[in-house]
Amino acid sequence: MLQLLAIKIRQREGQSLDTIRTEMRDVTGDALERKIAQSLAPAFNSGADEAVAHDGDIAIRWHRLPVADGIELHVREDSPMAREEAVIAMREAVRAALGRGDIR
């Protein structure tokens, strides 16, 4: 899943798949995790503290988003990741991962 996410991030940055393949050839899991965290940090830090403060609040509503047969994403409505473009990106990343033969 980390590799898929890293590929999608690099594609959005304008890199070709050949370039990405070369870059990722010898990248360890830890290094990949750090790269992804650095790329996503600005998005996750926008309001994340306020959302975490409500983790124990049962009155918070969750949205169920179908991804594929038997698979859903659950996103809390007050989460910074509940923005439409973020939800679509997550859903499409999971769908892309499900299409890979090596993880079926």
C-alpha atoms as a PDB file:
ATOM      1  CA  MET A   1       0.000   0.000   0.000  1.00  0.00           C
ATOM      2  CA  LEU A   2       2.901   2.345   0.773  1.00  0.00           C
ATOM      3  CA  GLN A   3       4.382   1.784  -2.664  1.00  0.00           C
ATOM      4  CA  LEU A   4       1.075   2.546  -4.356  1.00  0.00           C
ATOM      5  CA  LEU A   5       0.621   5.710  -2.331  1.00  0.00           C
ATOM      6  CA  ALA A   6       4.187   6.825  -3.105  1.00  0.00           C
ATOM      7  CA  ILE A   7       3.617   6.203  -6.814  1.00  0.00           C
ATOM      8  CA  LYS A   8       0.405   8.233  -6.830  1.00  0.00           C
ATOM      9  CA  ILE A   9       2.067  11.108  -4.969  1.00  0.00           C
ATOM     10  CA  ARG A  10       4.982  11.177  -7.424  1.00  0.00           C
ATOM     11  CA  GLN A  11       2.579  11.028 -10.400  1.00  0.00           C
ATOM     12  CA  ARG A  12       0.701  14.039  -9.034  1.00  0.00           C
ATOM     13  CA  GLU A  13       4.067  15.778  -8.792  1.00  0.00           C
ATOM     14  CA  GLY A  14       4.482  15.185 -12.529  1.00  0.00           C
ATOM     15  CA  GLN A  15       6.914  12.253 -12.560  1.00  0.00           C
ATOM     16  CA  SER A  16       6.665   9.502 -15.186  1.00  0.00           C
ATOM     17  CA  LEU A  17       6.256   5.853 -14.180  1.00  0.00           C
ATOM     18  CA  ASP A  18       9.725   5.055 -15.559  1.00  0.00           C
ATOM     19  CA  THR A  19      11.288   7.736 -13.356  1.00  0.00           C
ATOM     20  CA  ILE A  20       9.290   6.550 -10.336  1.00  0.00           C
ATOM     21  CA  ARG A  21      10.286   2.928 -10.954  1.00  0.00           C
ATOM     22  CA  THR A  22      13.962   3.929 -11.014  1.00  0.00           C
ATOM     23  CA  GLU A  23      13.621   6.038  -7.863  1.00  0.00           C
ATOM     24  CA  MET A  24      11.863   3.260  -5.932  1.00  0.00           C
ATOM     25  CA  ARG A  25      14.135   0.414  -6.991  1.00  0.00           C
ATOM     26  CA  ASP A  26      16.244   0.360  -3.801  1.00  0.00           C
ATOM     27  CA  VAL A  27      14.030   2.279  -1.376  1.00  0.00           C
ATOM     28  CA  THR A  28      13.453   0.516   1.942  1.00  0.00           C
ATOM     29  CA  GLY A  29      10.067   0.462   3.637  1.00  0.00           C
ATOM     30  CA  ASP A  30      11.226   2.900   6.313  1.00  0.00           C
ATOM     31  CA  ALA A  31      12.540   5.383   3.753  1.00  0.00           C
ATOM     32  CA  LEU A  32       9.323   5.091   1.762  1.00  0.00           C
ATOM     33  CA  GLU A  33       7.271   5.744   4.884  1.00  0.00           C
ATOM     34  CA  ARG A  34       9.307   8.884   5.653  1.00  0.00           C
ATOM     35  CA  LYS A  35       8.937  10.196   2.084  1.00  0.00           C
ATOM     36  CA  ILE A  36       5.175   9.711   2.167  1.00  0.00           C
ATOM     37  CA  ALA A  37       4.891  11.317   5.600  1.00  0.00           C
ATOM     38  CA  GLN A  38       6.829  14.360   4.381  1.00  0.00           C
ATOM     39  CA  SER A  39       4.618  14.674   1.299  1.00  0.00           C
ATOM     40  CA  LEU A  40       1.368  14.331   3.228  1.00  0.00           C
ATOM     41  CA  ALA A  41       2.323  16.281   6.365  1.00  0.00           C
ATOM     42  CA  PRO A  42       0.858  19.618   5.215  1.00  0.00           C
ATOM     43  CA  ALA A  43      -2.521  18.018   4.479  1.00  0.00           C
ATOM     44  CA  PHE A  44      -2.654  16.041   7.716  1.00  0.00           C
ATOM     45  CA  ASN A  45      -1.593  18.950   9.884  1.00  0.00           C
ATOM     46  CA  SER A  46      -4.387  21.194   8.703  1.00  0.00           C
ATOM     47  CA  GLY A  47      -6.839  20.828  11.567  1.00  0.00           C
ATOM     48  CA  ALA A  48      -5.696  17.398  12.707  1.00  0.00           C
ATOM     49  CA  ASP A  49      -5.235  18.507  16.329  1.00  0.00           C
ATOM     50  CA  GLU A  50      -8.835  19.661  16.593  1.00  0.00           C
ATOM     51  CA  ALA A  51     -10.122  16.392  15.129  1.00  0.00           C
ATOM     52  CA  VAL A  52      -8.064  14.279  17.547  1.00  0.00           C
ATOM     53  CA  ALA A  53      -9.544  16.199  20.459  1.00  0.00           C
ATOM     54  CA  HIS A  54     -12.945  14.691  19.552  1.00  0.00           C
ATOM     55  CA  ASP A  55     -11.829  11.049  19.319  1.00  0.00           C
ATOM     56  CA  GLY A  56     -13.761  10.025  22.432  1.00  0.00           C
ATOM     57  CA  ASP A  57     -16.913  11.947  21.486  1.00  0.00           C
ATOM     58  CA  ILE A  58     -19.587   9.418  20.479  1.00  0.00           C
ATOM     59  CA  ALA A  59     -21.769  12.150  19.000  1.00  0.00           C
ATOM     60  CA  ILE A  60     -19.380  12.533  16.066  1.00  0.00           C
ATOM     61  CA  ARG A  61     -20.800  11.127  12.821  1.00  0.00           C
ATOM     62  CA  TRP A  62     -18.979   8.861  10.418  1.00  0.00           C
ATOM     63  CA  HIS A  63     -19.486   8.626   6.672  1.00  0.00           C
ATOM     64  CA  ARG A  64     -19.405   5.196   5.068  1.00  0.00           C
ATOM     65  CA  LEU A  65     -17.901   5.227   1.588  1.00  0.00           C
ATOM     66  CA  PRO A  66     -18.213   2.105  -0.545  1.00  0.00           C
ATOM     67  CA  VAL A  67     -14.984   1.171  -2.331  1.00  0.00           C
ATOM     68  CA  ALA A  68     -15.716  -2.292  -3.730  1.00  0.00           C
ATOM     69  CA  ASP A  69     -17.871  -5.290  -2.881  1.00  0.00           C
ATOM     70  CA  GLY A  70     -17.404  -5.850   0.858  1.00  0.00           C
ATOM     71  CA  ILE A  71     -15.020  -2.929   1.355  1.00  0.00           C
ATOM     72  CA  GLU A  72     -15.799   0.475   2.850  1.00  0.00           C
ATOM     73  CA  LEU A  73     -13.854   3.467   4.072  1.00  0.00           C
ATOM     74  CA  HIS A  74     -15.119   5.126   7.224  1.00  0.00           C
ATOM     75  CA  VAL A  75     -14.308   8.817   7.564  1.00  0.00           C
ATOM     76  CA  ARG A  76     -15.289  10.921  10.551  1.00  0.00           C
ATOM     77  CA  GLU A  77     -17.151  14.017   9.351  1.00  0.00           C
ATOM     78  CA  ASP A  78     -14.994  16.438  11.364  1.00  0.00           C
ATOM     79  CA  SER A  79     -11.712  14.989  10.097  1.00  0.00           C
ATOM     80  CA  PRO A  80      -9.495  17.129   7.857  1.00  0.00           C
ATOM     81  CA  MET A  81      -9.475  14.108   5.543  1.00  0.00           C
ATOM     82  CA  ALA A  82     -13.267  14.303   5.108  1.00  0.00           C
ATOM     83  CA  ARG A  83     -12.818  16.880   2.335  1.00  0.00           C
ATOM     84  CA  GLU A  84     -14.287  15.591  -0.903  1.00  0.00           C
ATOM     85  CA  GLU A  85     -10.997  15.605  -2.830  1.00  0.00           C
ATOM     86  CA  ALA A  86      -9.201  13.719  -0.026  1.00  0.00           C
ATOM     87  CA  VAL A  87     -11.956  11.091   0.190  1.00  0.00           C
ATOM     88  CA  ILE A  88     -11.923  10.564  -3.574  1.00  0.00           C
ATOM     89  CA  ALA A  89      -8.121  10.196  -3.579  1.00  0.00           C
ATOM     90  CA  MET A  90      -8.233   7.623  -0.747  1.00  0.00           C
ATOM     91  CA  ARG A  91     -11.021   5.645  -2.400  1.00  0.00           C
ATOM     92  CA  GLU A  92      -9.225   5.578  -5.755  1.00  0.00           C
ATOM     93  CA  ALA A  93      -5.919   4.564  -4.139  1.00  0.00           C
ATOM     94  CA  VAL A  94      -7.618   1.609  -2.437  1.00  0.00           C
ATOM     95  CA  ARG A  95      -9.386   0.636  -5.682  1.00  0.00           C
ATOM     96  CA  ALA A  96      -6.076   0.784  -7.556  1.00  0.00           C
ATOM     97  CA  ALA A  97      -4.442  -1.404  -4.909  1.00  0.00           C
ATOM     98  CA  LEU A  98      -7.277  -3.934  -5.156  1.00  0.00           C
ATOM     99  CA  GLY A  99      -6.652  -4.248  -8.893  1.00  0.00           C
ATOM    100  CA  ARG A 100      -3.072  -5.411  -8.335  1.00  0.00           C
ATOM    101  CA  GLY A 101      -2.691  -9.144  -8.855  1.00  0.00           C
ATOM    102  CA  ASP A 102       0.175  -9.453  -6.382  1.00  0.00           C
ATOM    103  CA  ILE A 103      -2.019  -8.550  -3.383  1.00  0.00           C
ATOM    104  CA  ARG A 104      -5.101 -10.593  -4.213  1.00  0.00           C
END
